[in-house]
All heavy atoms as atom14 arrays in JSON, in Angstrom:
{
  "sequence": "VPSIVNGLLAGVDQVPPLYLRVGRVLGASGWTRIRHVLLPAALPGFL",
  "atom14_mask": [
    [1, 1, 1, 1, 1, 1, 1, 0, 0, 0, 0, 0, 0, 0],
    [1, 1, 1, 1, 1, 1, 1, 0, 0, 0, 0, 0, 0, 0],
    [1, 1, 1, 1, 1, 1, 0, 0, 0, 0, 0, 0, 0, 0],
    [1, 1, 1, 1, 1, 1, 1, 1, 0, 0, 0, 0, 0, 0],
    [1, 1, 1, 1, 1, 1, 1, 0, 0, 0, 0, 0, 0, 0],
    [1, 1, 1, 1, 1, 1, 1, 1, 0, 0, 0, 0, 0, 0],
    [1, 1, 1, 1, 0, 0, 0, 0, 0, 0, 0, 0, 0, 0],
    [1, 1, 1, 1, 1, 1, 1, 1, 0, 0, 0, 0, 0, 0],
    [1, 1, 1, 1, 1, 1, 1, 1, 0, 0, 0, 0, 0, 0],
    [1, 1, 1, 1, 1, 0, 0, 0, 0, 0, 0, 0, 0, 0],
    [1, 1, 1, 1, 0, 0, 0, 0, 0, 0, 0, 0, 0, 0],
    [1, 1, 1, 1, 1, 1, 1, 0, 0, 0, 0, 0, 0, 0],
    [1, 1, 1, 1, 1, 1, 1, 1, 0, 0, 0, 0, 0, 0],
    [1, 1, 1, 1, 1, 1, 1, 1, 1, 0, 0, 0, 0, 0],
    [1, 1, 1, 1, 1, 1, 1, 0, 0, 0, 0, 0, 0, 0],
    [1, 1, 1, 1, 1, 1, 1, 0, 0, 0, 0, 0, 0, 0],
    [1, 1, 1, 1, 1, 1, 1, 0, 0, 0, 0, 0, 0, 0],
    [1, 1, 1, 1, 1, 1, 1, 1, 0, 0, 0, 0, 0, 0],
    [1, 1, 1, 1, 1, 1, 1, 1, 1, 1, 1, 1, 0, 0],
    [1, 1, 1, 1, 1, 1, 1, 1, 0, 0, 0, 0, 0, 0],
    [1, 1, 1, 1, 1, 1, 1, 1, 1, 1, 1, 0, 0, 0],
    [1, 1, 1, 1, 1, 1, 1, 0, 0, 0, 0, 0, 0, 0],
    [1, 1, 1, 1, 0, 0, 0, 0, 0, 0, 0, 0, 0, 0],
    [1, 1, 1, 1, 1, 1, 1, 1, 1, 1, 1, 0, 0, 0],
    [1, 1, 1, 1, 1, 1, 1, 0, 0, 0, 0, 0, 0, 0],
    [1, 1, 1, 1, 1, 1, 1, 1, 0, 0, 0, 0, 0, 0],
    [1, 1, 1, 1, 0, 0, 0, 0, 0, 0, 0, 0, 0, 0],
    [1, 1, 1, 1, 1, 0, 0, 0, 0, 0, 0, 0, 0, 0],
    [1, 1, 1, 1, 1, 1, 0, 0, 0, 0, 0, 0, 0, 0],
    [1, 1, 1, 1, 0, 0, 0, 0, 0, 0, 0, 0, 0, 0],
    [1, 1, 1, 1, 1, 1, 1, 1, 1, 1, 1, 1, 1, 1],
    [1, 1, 1, 1, 1, 1, 1, 0, 0, 0, 0, 0, 0, 0],
    [1, 1, 1, 1, 1, 1, 1, 1, 1, 1, 1, 0, 0, 0],
    [1, 1, 1, 1, 1, 1, 1, 1, 0, 0, 0, 0, 0, 0],
    [1, 1, 1, 1, 1, 1, 1, 1, 1, 1, 1, 0, 0, 0],
    [1, 1, 1, 1, 1, 1, 1, 1, 1, 1, 0, 0, 0, 0],
    [1, 1, 1, 1, 1, 1, 1, 0, 0, 0, 0, 0, 0, 0],
    [1, 1, 1, 1, 1, 1, 1, 1, 0, 0, 0, 0, 0, 0],
    [1, 1, 1, 1, 1, 1, 1, 1, 0, 0, 0, 0, 0, 0],
    [1, 1, 1, 1, 1, 1, 1, 0, 0, 0, 0, 0, 0, 0],
    [1, 1, 1, 1, 1, 0, 0, 0, 0, 0, 0, 0, 0, 0],
    [1, 1, 1, 1, 1, 0, 0, 0, 0, 0, 0, 0, 0, 0],
    [1, 1, 1, 1, 1, 1, 1, 1, 0, 0, 0, 0, 0, 0],
    [1, 1, 1, 1, 1, 1, 1, 0, 0, 0, 0, 0, 0, 0],
    [1, 1, 1, 1, 0, 0, 0, 0, 0, 0, 0, 0, 0, 0],
    [1, 1, 1, 1, 1, 1, 1, 1, 1, 1, 1, 0, 0, 0],
    [1, 1, 1, 1, 1, 1, 1, 1, 0, 0, 0, 0, 0, 0]
  ],
  "atom14_positions": [
    [[-10.02, -8.78, 5.36], [-8.91, -7.9, 5.01], [-7.55, -8.46, 5.41], [-6.6, -8.44, 4.61], [-9.13, -6.49, 5.6], [-7.86, -5.64, 5.48], [-10.27, -5.79, 4.88], [0.0, 0.0, 0.0], [0.0, 0.0, 0.0], [0.0, 0.0, 0.0], [0.0, 0.0, 0.0], [0.0, 0.0, 0.0], [0.0, 0.0, 0.0], [0.0, 0.0, 0.0]],
    [[-7.36, -8.98, 6.64], [-6.03, -9.51, 6.99], [-5.57, -10.63, 6.06], [-4.39, -10.7, 5.7], [-6.23, -10.01, 8.43], [-7.35, -9.2, 8.97], [-8.27, -9.0, 7.81], [0.0, 0.0, 0.0], [0.0, 0.0, 0.0], [0.0, 0.0, 0.0], [0.0, 0.0, 0.0], [0.0, 0.0, 0.0], [0.0, 0.0, 0.0], [0.0, 0.0, 0.0]],
    [[-6.47, -11.51, 5.64], [-6.09, -12.6, 4.73], [-5.67, -12.06, 3.37], [-4.71, -12.54, 2.76], [-7.25, -13.58, 4.57], [-7.56, -14.21, 5.79], [0.0, 0.0, 0.0], [0.0, 0.0, 0.0], [0.0, 0.0, 0.0], [0.0, 0.0, 0.0], [0.0, 0.0, 0.0], [0.0, 0.0, 0.0], [0.0, 0.0, 0.0], [0.0, 0.0, 0.0]],
    [[-6.38, -11.05, 2.89], [-6.03, -10.46, 1.59], [-4.69, -9.75, 1.67], [-3.86, -9.85, 0.76], [-7.16, -9.52, 1.13], [-8.43, -10.33, 0.87], [-6.75, -8.74, -0.1], [-9.65, -9.48, 0.57], [0.0, 0.0, 0.0], [0.0, 0.0, 0.0], [0.0, 0.0, 0.0], [0.0, 0.0, 0.0], [0.0, 0.0, 0.0], [0.0, 0.0, 0.0]],
    [[-4.45, -9.02, 2.76], [-3.17, -8.33, 2.93], [-2.03, -9.34, 2.96], [-1.02, -9.19, 2.25], [-3.19, -7.49, 4.22], [-1.79, -6.95, 4.51], [-4.17, -6.33, 4.08], [0.0, 0.0, 0.0], [0.0, 0.0, 0.0], [0.0, 0.0, 0.0], [0.0, 0.0, 0.0], [0.0, 0.0, 0.0], [0.0, 0.0, 0.0], [0.0, 0.0, 0.0]],
    [[-2.15, -10.38, 3.76], [-1.09, -11.38, 3.85], [-0.92, -12.13, 2.54], [0.2, -12.52, 2.18], [-1.38, -12.36, 4.98], [-1.02, -11.79, 6.34], [-0.15, -10.93, 6.47], [-1.69, -12.27, 7.38], [0.0, 0.0, 0.0], [0.0, 0.0, 0.0], [0.0, 0.0, 0.0], [0.0, 0.0, 0.0], [0.0, 0.0, 0.0], [0.0, 0.0, 0.0]],
    [[-2.02, -12.35, 1.8], [-1.9, -12.99, 0.5], [-1.13, -12.13, -0.5], [-0.3, -12.63, -1.26], [0.0, 0.0, 0.0], [0.0, 0.0, 0.0], [0.0, 0.0, 0.0], [0.0, 0.0, 0.0], [0.0, 0.0, 0.0], [0.0, 0.0, 0.0], [0.0, 0.0, 0.0], [0.0, 0.0, 0.0], [0.0, 0.0, 0.0], [0.0, 0.0, 0.0]],
    [[-1.39, -10.83, -0.49], [-0.66, -9.93, -1.37], [0.81, -9.87, -1.0], [1.69, -9.89, -1.87], [-1.28, -8.53, -1.31], [-0.6, -7.45, -2.17], [-0.57, -7.88, -3.63], [-1.31, -6.12, -2.01], [0.0, 0.0, 0.0], [0.0, 0.0, 0.0], [0.0, 0.0, 0.0], [0.0, 0.0, 0.0], [0.0, 0.0, 0.0], [0.0, 0.0, 0.0]],
    [[1.11, -9.81, 0.29], [2.5, -9.79, 0.73], [3.22, -11.08, 0.33], [4.38, -11.05, -0.08], [2.57, -9.58, 2.24], [2.1, -8.22, 2.75], [2.13, -8.18, 4.27], [2.96, -7.09, 2.18], [0.0, 0.0, 0.0], [0.0, 0.0, 0.0], [0.0, 0.0, 0.0], [0.0, 0.0, 0.0], [0.0, 0.0, 0.0], [0.0, 0.0, 0.0]],
    [[2.53, -12.2, 0.45], [3.13, -13.47, 0.04], [3.41, -13.48, -1.46], [4.44, -13.98, -1.91], [2.22, -14.64, 0.42], [0.0, 0.0, 0.0], [0.0, 0.0, 0.0], [0.0, 0.0, 0.0], [0.0, 0.0, 0.0], [0.0, 0.0, 0.0], [0.0, 0.0, 0.0], [0.0, 0.0, 0.0], [0.0, 0.0, 0.0], [0.0, 0.0, 0.0]],
    [[2.48, -12.93, -2.25], [2.7, -12.85, -3.69], [3.86, -11.94, -4.04], [4.67, -12.25, -4.92], [0.0, 0.0, 0.0], [0.0, 0.0, 0.0], [0.0, 0.0, 0.0], [0.0, 0.0, 0.0], [0.0, 0.0, 0.0], [0.0, 0.0, 0.0], [0.0, 0.0, 0.0], [0.0, 0.0, 0.0], [0.0, 0.0, 0.0], [0.0, 0.0, 0.0]],
    [[3.98, -10.81, -3.34], [5.09, -9.88, -3.59], [6.42, -10.53, -3.24], [7.42, -10.36, -3.94], [4.87, -8.58, -2.78], [6.13, -7.72, -2.81], [3.68, -7.81, -3.36], [0.0, 0.0, 0.0], [0.0, 0.0, 0.0], [0.0, 0.0, 0.0], [0.0, 0.0, 0.0], [0.0, 0.0, 0.0], [0.0, 0.0, 0.0], [0.0, 0.0, 0.0]],
    [[6.45, -11.29, -2.15], [7.69, -11.95, -1.74], [8.16, -12.97, -2.77], [9.35, -13.33, -2.79], [7.51, -12.63, -0.38], [7.34, -11.63, 0.74], [7.75, -10.46, 0.56], [6.81, -12.0, 1.81], [0.0, 0.0, 0.0], [0.0, 0.0, 0.0], [0.0, 0.0, 0.0], [0.0, 0.0, 0.0], [0.0, 0.0, 0.0], [0.0, 0.0, 0.0]],
    [[7.25, -13.47, -3.6], [7.61, -14.47, -4.61], [8.0, -13.85, -5.95], [8.35, -14.58, -6.88], [6.43, -15.43, -4.83], [6.08, -16.25, -3.6], [4.8, -17.04, -3.77], [4.3, -17.2, -4.88], [4.24, -17.52, -2.66], [0.0, 0.0, 0.0], [0.0, 0.0, 0.0], [0.0, 0.0, 0.0], [0.0, 0.0, 0.0], [0.0, 0.0, 0.0]],
    [[7.96, -12.53, -6.06], [8.34, -11.86, -7.31], [9.86, -11.94, -7.47], [10.59, -11.52, -6.57], [7.88, -10.4, -7.31], [8.39, -9.68, -8.56], [6.36, -10.32, -7.25], [0.0, 0.0, 0.0], [0.0, 0.0, 0.0], [0.0, 0.0, 0.0], [0.0, 0.0, 0.0], [0.0, 0.0, 0.0], [0.0, 0.0, 0.0], [0.0, 0.0, 0.0]],
    [[10.36, -12.46, -8.59], [11.81, -12.51, -8.79], [12.41, -11.1, -8.79], [11.87, -10.19, -9.43], [11.96, -13.17, -10.17], [10.69, -13.91, -10.37], [9.62, -13.1, -9.68], [0.0, 0.0, 0.0], [0.0, 0.0, 0.0], [0.0, 0.0, 0.0], [0.0, 0.0, 0.0], [0.0, 0.0, 0.0], [0.0, 0.0, 0.0], [0.0, 0.0, 0.0]],
    [[13.51, -10.88, -8.08], [14.12, -9.53, -8.05], [14.49, -9.03, -9.44], [14.56, -7.81, -9.66], [15.37, -9.74, -7.18], [15.06, -10.94, -6.34], [14.21, -11.82, -7.21], [0.0, 0.0, 0.0], [0.0, 0.0, 0.0], [0.0, 0.0, 0.0], [0.0, 0.0, 0.0], [0.0, 0.0, 0.0], [0.0, 0.0, 0.0], [0.0, 0.0, 0.0]],
    [[14.73, -9.96, -10.37], [15.09, -9.54, -11.73], [14.0, -8.69, -12.35], [14.29, -7.72, -13.08], [15.36, -10.78, -12.59], [15.72, -10.52, -14.06], [17.01, -9.73, -14.16], [15.84, -11.84, -14.82], [0.0, 0.0, 0.0], [0.0, 0.0, 0.0], [0.0, 0.0, 0.0], [0.0, 0.0, 0.0], [0.0, 0.0, 0.0], [0.0, 0.0, 0.0]],
    [[12.71, -9.01, -12.08], [11.62, -8.23, -12.64], [11.69, -6.78, -12.18], [11.48, -5.84, -12.95], [10.28, -8.83, -12.22], [9.95, -10.15, -12.84], [10.84, -10.81, -13.69], [8.74, -10.78, -12.59], [10.54, -12.04, -14.25], [8.42, -12.01, -13.15], [9.34, -12.63, -13.98], [9.03, -13.84, -14.52], [0.0, 0.0, 0.0], [0.0, 0.0, 0.0]],
    [[11.97, -6.6, -10.89], [12.04, -5.25, -10.35], [13.23, -4.49, -10.92], [13.13, -3.29, -11.21], [12.13, -5.31, -8.83], [10.99, -6.06, -8.13], [11.2, -6.07, -6.61], [9.65, -5.43, -8.46], [0.0, 0.0, 0.0], [0.0, 0.0, 0.0], [0.0, 0.0, 0.0], [0.0, 0.0, 0.0], [0.0, 0.0, 0.0], [0.0, 0.0, 0.0]],
    [[14.36, -5.19, -11.11], [15.54, -4.52, -11.68], [15.29, -4.13, -13.13], [15.68, -3.02, -13.56], [16.76, -5.43, -11.58], [17.26, -5.61, -10.15], [18.69, -6.16, -10.13], [18.75, -7.52, -10.67], [18.65, -8.61, -9.94], [18.48, -8.52, -8.62], [18.73, -9.81, -10.49], [0.0, 0.0, 0.0], [0.0, 0.0, 0.0], [0.0, 0.0, 0.0]],
    [[14.63, -5.01, -13.88], [14.32, -4.67, -15.28], [13.38, -3.48, -15.33], [13.54, -2.57, -16.16], [13.69, -5.89, -15.99], [13.14, -5.49, -17.35], [14.73, -6.99, -16.15], [0.0, 0.0, 0.0], [0.0, 0.0, 0.0], [0.0, 0.0, 0.0], [0.0, 0.0, 0.0], [0.0, 0.0, 0.0], [0.0, 0.0, 0.0], [0.0, 0.0, 0.0]],
    [[12.37, -3.47, -14.46], [11.47, -2.32, -14.42], [12.19, -1.03, -14.09], [11.9, 0.03, -14.67], [0.0, 0.0, 0.0], [0.0, 0.0, 0.0], [0.0, 0.0, 0.0], [0.0, 0.0, 0.0], [0.0, 0.0, 0.0], [0.0, 0.0, 0.0], [0.0, 0.0, 0.0], [0.0, 0.0, 0.0], [0.0, 0.0, 0.0], [0.0, 0.0, 0.0]],
    [[13.15, -1.11, -13.18], [13.92, 0.09, -12.81], [14.76, 0.56, -13.99], [14.87, 1.76, -14.26], [14.8, -0.22, -11.6], [15.44, 1.01, -10.98], [16.27, 0.65, -9.77], [15.48, -0.03, -8.75], [15.64, -1.29, -8.42], [16.55, -2.04, -9.02], [14.89, -1.83, -7.47], [0.0, 0.0, 0.0], [0.0, 0.0, 0.0], [0.0, 0.0, 0.0]],
    [[15.38, -0.39, -14.71], [16.18, -0.03, -15.87], [15.33, 0.63, -16.95], [15.76, 1.57, -17.63], [16.89, -1.28, -16.43], [17.53, -0.99, -17.78], [17.95, -1.77, -15.45], [0.0, 0.0, 0.0], [0.0, 0.0, 0.0], [0.0, 0.0, 0.0], [0.0, 0.0, 0.0], [0.0, 0.0, 0.0], [0.0, 0.0, 0.0], [0.0, 0.0, 0.0]],
    [[14.08, 0.15, -17.09], [13.2, 0.72, -18.11], [12.55, 2.03, -17.67], [11.74, 2.6, -18.4], [12.1, -0.3, -18.46], [12.59, -1.58, -19.15], [11.42, -2.54, -19.37], [13.27, -1.26, -20.47], [0.0, 0.0, 0.0], [0.0, 0.0, 0.0], [0.0, 0.0, 0.0], [0.0, 0.0, 0.0], [0.0, 0.0, 0.0], [0.0, 0.0, 0.0]],
    [[12.88, 2.5, -16.48], [12.39, 3.78, -16.02], [11.14, 3.74, -15.19], [10.55, 4.78, -14.89], [0.0, 0.0, 0.0], [0.0, 0.0, 0.0], [0.0, 0.0, 0.0], [0.0, 0.0, 0.0], [0.0, 0.0, 0.0], [0.0, 0.0, 0.0], [0.0, 0.0, 0.0], [0.0, 0.0, 0.0], [0.0, 0.0, 0.0], [0.0, 0.0, 0.0]],
    [[10.68, 2.54, -14.79], [9.48, 2.43, -13.97], [9.83, 2.74, -12.52], [10.71, 2.12, -11.93], [8.89, 1.03, -14.08], [0.0, 0.0, 0.0], [0.0, 0.0, 0.0], [0.0, 0.0, 0.0], [0.0, 0.0, 0.0], [0.0, 0.0, 0.0], [0.0, 0.0, 0.0], [0.0, 0.0, 0.0], [0.0, 0.0, 0.0], [0.0, 0.0, 0.0]],
    [[9.12, 3.69, -11.97], [9.37, 4.07, -10.57], [8.05, 4.53, -9.95], [7.09, 4.86, -10.65], [10.41, 5.2, -10.48], [9.95, 6.35, -11.17], [0.0, 0.0, 0.0], [0.0, 0.0, 0.0], [0.0, 0.0, 0.0], [0.0, 0.0, 0.0], [0.0, 0.0, 0.0], [0.0, 0.0, 0.0], [0.0, 0.0, 0.0], [0.0, 0.0, 0.0]],
    [[8.01, 4.52, -8.64], [6.83, 4.99, -7.93], [5.62, 4.14, -8.25], [5.68, 2.9, -8.28], [0.0, 0.0, 0.0], [0.0, 0.0, 0.0], [0.0, 0.0, 0.0], [0.0, 0.0, 0.0], [0.0, 0.0, 0.0], [0.0, 0.0, 0.0], [0.0, 0.0, 0.0], [0.0, 0.0, 0.0], [0.0, 0.0, 0.0], [0.0, 0.0, 0.0]],
    [[4.48, 4.8, -8.49], [3.23, 4.09, -8.76], [3.3, 3.29, -10.05], [2.71, 2.23, -10.17], [2.07, 5.07, -8.81], [0.8, 4.47, -9.3], [0.14, 4.75, -10.45], [0.03, 3.43, -8.66], [-0.99, 3.97, -10.57], [-1.08, 3.16, -9.48], [0.19, 2.72, -7.47], [-2.03, 2.2, -9.16], [-0.75, 1.76, -7.14], [-1.85, 1.51, -7.97]],
    [[4.04, 3.81, -11.06], [4.18, 3.08, -12.32], [4.84, 1.73, -12.08], [4.43, 0.71, -12.65], [5.02, 3.9, -13.31], [4.38, 5.16, -13.53], [5.16, 3.18, -14.63], [0.0, 0.0, 0.0], [0.0, 0.0, 0.0], [0.0, 0.0, 0.0], [0.0, 0.0, 0.0], [0.0, 0.0, 0.0], [0.0, 0.0, 0.0], [0.0, 0.0, 0.0]],
    [[5.85, 1.7, -11.25], [6.53, 0.44, -10.93], [5.59, -0.52, -10.2], [5.56, -1.72, -10.48], [7.76, 0.73, -10.06], [8.48, -0.49, -9.52], [9.76, -0.06, -8.83], [10.39, -1.14, -8.11], [10.2, -1.38, -6.82], [9.38, -0.6, -6.11], [10.82, -2.38, -6.22], [0.0, 0.0, 0.0], [0.0, 0.0, 0.0], [0.0, 0.0, 0.0]],
    [[4.78, 0.01, -9.3], [3.84, -0.83, -8.56], [2.76, -1.36, -9.48], [2.42, -2.55, -9.48], [3.22, -0.04, -7.39], [4.3, 0.34, -6.37], [2.12, -0.84, -6.72], [3.81, 1.29, -5.3], [0.0, 0.0, 0.0], [0.0, 0.0, 0.0], [0.0, 0.0, 0.0], [0.0, 0.0, 0.0], [0.0, 0.0, 0.0], [0.0, 0.0, 0.0]],
    [[2.21, -0.46, -10.31], [1.08, -0.8, -11.17], [1.46, -1.77, -12.28], [0.7, -2.71, -12.58], [0.49, 0.49, -11.77], [-0.49, 0.31, -12.91], [-1.76, -0.37, -12.44], [-2.7, -0.52, -13.54], [-2.67, -1.52, -14.42], [-1.74, -2.46, -14.34], [-3.57, -1.58, -15.39], [0.0, 0.0, 0.0], [0.0, 0.0, 0.0], [0.0, 0.0, 0.0]],
    [[2.61, -1.57, -12.92], [2.94, -2.34, -14.11], [3.96, -3.44, -13.87], [4.17, -4.27, -14.77], [3.47, -1.4, -15.2], [2.44, -0.42, -15.7], [1.42, -0.78, -16.55], [2.27, 0.91, -15.44], [0.67, 0.29, -16.81], [1.15, 1.32, -16.15], [0.0, 0.0, 0.0], [0.0, 0.0, 0.0], [0.0, 0.0, 0.0], [0.0, 0.0, 0.0]],
    [[4.61, -3.46, -12.74], [5.62, -4.49, -12.49], [5.28, -5.32, -11.25], [5.1, -6.54, -11.32], [7.03, -3.86, -12.33], [8.06, -4.96, -12.06], [7.4, -3.07, -13.55], [0.0, 0.0, 0.0], [0.0, 0.0, 0.0], [0.0, 0.0, 0.0], [0.0, 0.0, 0.0], [0.0, 0.0, 0.0], [0.0, 0.0, 0.0], [0.0, 0.0, 0.0]],
    [[5.15, -4.66, -10.11], [5.02, -5.39, -8.85], [3.71, -6.16, -8.75], [3.71, -7.38, -8.51], [5.15, -4.4, -7.68], [5.21, -5.03, -6.29], [6.44, -5.9, -6.15], [5.21, -3.95, -5.21], [0.0, 0.0, 0.0], [0.0, 0.0, 0.0], [0.0, 0.0, 0.0], [0.0, 0.0, 0.0], [0.0, 0.0, 0.0], [0.0, 0.0, 0.0]],
    [[2.57, -5.47, -8.93], [1.28, -6.14, -8.76], [1.02, -7.22, -9.81], [0.57, -8.32, -9.46], [0.15, -5.1, -8.75], [0.13, -4.16, -7.54], [-1.05, -3.19, -7.64], [0.06, -4.94, -6.24], [0.0, 0.0, 0.0], [0.0, 0.0, 0.0], [0.0, 0.0, 0.0], [0.0, 0.0, 0.0], [0.0, 0.0, 0.0], [0.0, 0.0, 0.0]],
    [[1.29, -6.98, -11.1], [1.09, -8.08, -12.07], [1.97, -9.29, -11.8], [1.53, -10.43, -11.95], [1.44, -7.42, -13.42], [1.2, -5.97, -13.21], [1.6, -5.7, -11.79], [0.0, 0.0, 0.0], [0.0, 0.0, 0.0], [0.0, 0.0, 0.0], [0.0, 0.0, 0.0], [0.0, 0.0, 0.0], [0.0, 0.0, 0.0], [0.0, 0.0, 0.0]],
    [[3.22, -9.06, -11.38], [4.11, -10.18, -11.1], [3.67, -10.94, -9.85], [3.88, -12.15, -9.75], [5.54, -9.67, -10.92], [0.0, 0.0, 0.0], [0.0, 0.0, 0.0], [0.0, 0.0, 0.0], [0.0, 0.0, 0.0], [0.0, 0.0, 0.0], [0.0, 0.0, 0.0], [0.0, 0.0, 0.0], [0.0, 0.0, 0.0], [0.0, 0.0, 0.0]],
    [[3.04, -10.25, -8.91], [2.6, -10.9, -7.67], [1.24, -11.56, -7.81], [0.79, -12.25, -6.88], [2.55, -9.86, -6.54], [0.0, 0.0, 0.0], [0.0, 0.0, 0.0], [0.0, 0.0, 0.0], [0.0, 0.0, 0.0], [0.0, 0.0, 0.0], [0.0, 0.0, 0.0], [0.0, 0.0, 0.0], [0.0, 0.0, 0.0], [0.0, 0.0, 0.0]],
    [[0.56, -11.37, -8.95], [-0.82, -11.83, -9.09], [-1.01, -13.33, -8.91], [-1.95, -13.76, -8.21], [-1.38, -11.38, -10.44], [-2.88, -11.61, -10.66], [-3.7, -10.95, -9.57], [-3.31, -11.09, -12.02], [0.0, 0.0, 0.0], [0.0, 0.0, 0.0], [0.0, 0.0, 0.0], [0.0, 0.0, 0.0], [0.0, 0.0, 0.0], [0.0, 0.0, 0.0]],
    [[-0.16, -14.21, -9.49], [-0.39, -15.65, -9.27], [-0.35, -16.04, -7.8], [-1.19, -16.82, -7.33], [0.76, -16.3, -10.05], [1.1, -15.31, -11.11], [0.92, -13.96, -10.46], [0.0, 0.0, 0.0], [0.0, 0.0, 0.0], [0.0, 0.0, 0.0], [0.0, 0.0, 0.0], [0.0, 0.0, 0.0], [0.0, 0.0, 0.0], [0.0, 0.0, 0.0]],
    [[0.59, -15.49, -7.04], [0.63, -15.78, -5.62], [-0.48, -15.1, -4.85], [-1.0, -15.66, -3.87], [0.0, 0.0, 0.0], [0.0, 0.0, 0.0], [0.0, 0.0, 0.0], [0.0, 0.0, 0.0], [0.0, 0.0, 0.0], [0.0, 0.0, 0.0], [0.0, 0.0, 0.0], [0.0, 0.0, 0.0], [0.0, 0.0, 0.0], [0.0, 0.0, 0.0]],
    [[-0.87, -13.92, -5.3], [-1.92, -13.17, -4.63], [-3.28, -13.83, -4.8], [-4.17, -13.66, -3.96], [-1.95, -11.75, -5.2], [-3.03, -10.87, -4.64], [-3.32, -10.87, -3.28], [-3.76, -10.04, -5.47], [-4.31, -10.05, -2.76], [-4.76, -9.23, -4.96], [-5.03, -9.24, -3.61], [0.0, 0.0, 0.0], [0.0, 0.0, 0.0], [0.0, 0.0, 0.0]],
    [[-3.45, -14.61, -5.88], [-4.74, -15.26, -6.11], [-5.11, -16.18, -4.96], [-6.28, -16.27, -4.56], [-4.69, -16.04, -7.42], [-5.99, -16.73, -7.84], [-7.1, -15.72, -8.02], [-5.78, -17.51, -9.13], [0.0, 0.0, 0.0], [0.0, 0.0, 0.0], [0.0, 0.0, 0.0], [0.0, 0.0, 0.0], [0.0, 0.0, 0.0], [0.0, 0.0, 0.0]]
  ]
}
């Protein structure tokens, strides 16, 4: 579990802020923002 948590955090840290701003502009917030913007963008680093 600790390795997976740190891997996910490392992937999130590599997400370009522009992706999050675009998601916010398109109305993504809360779980929708996490599900459709944050986690998919962090997936290559999270792998």
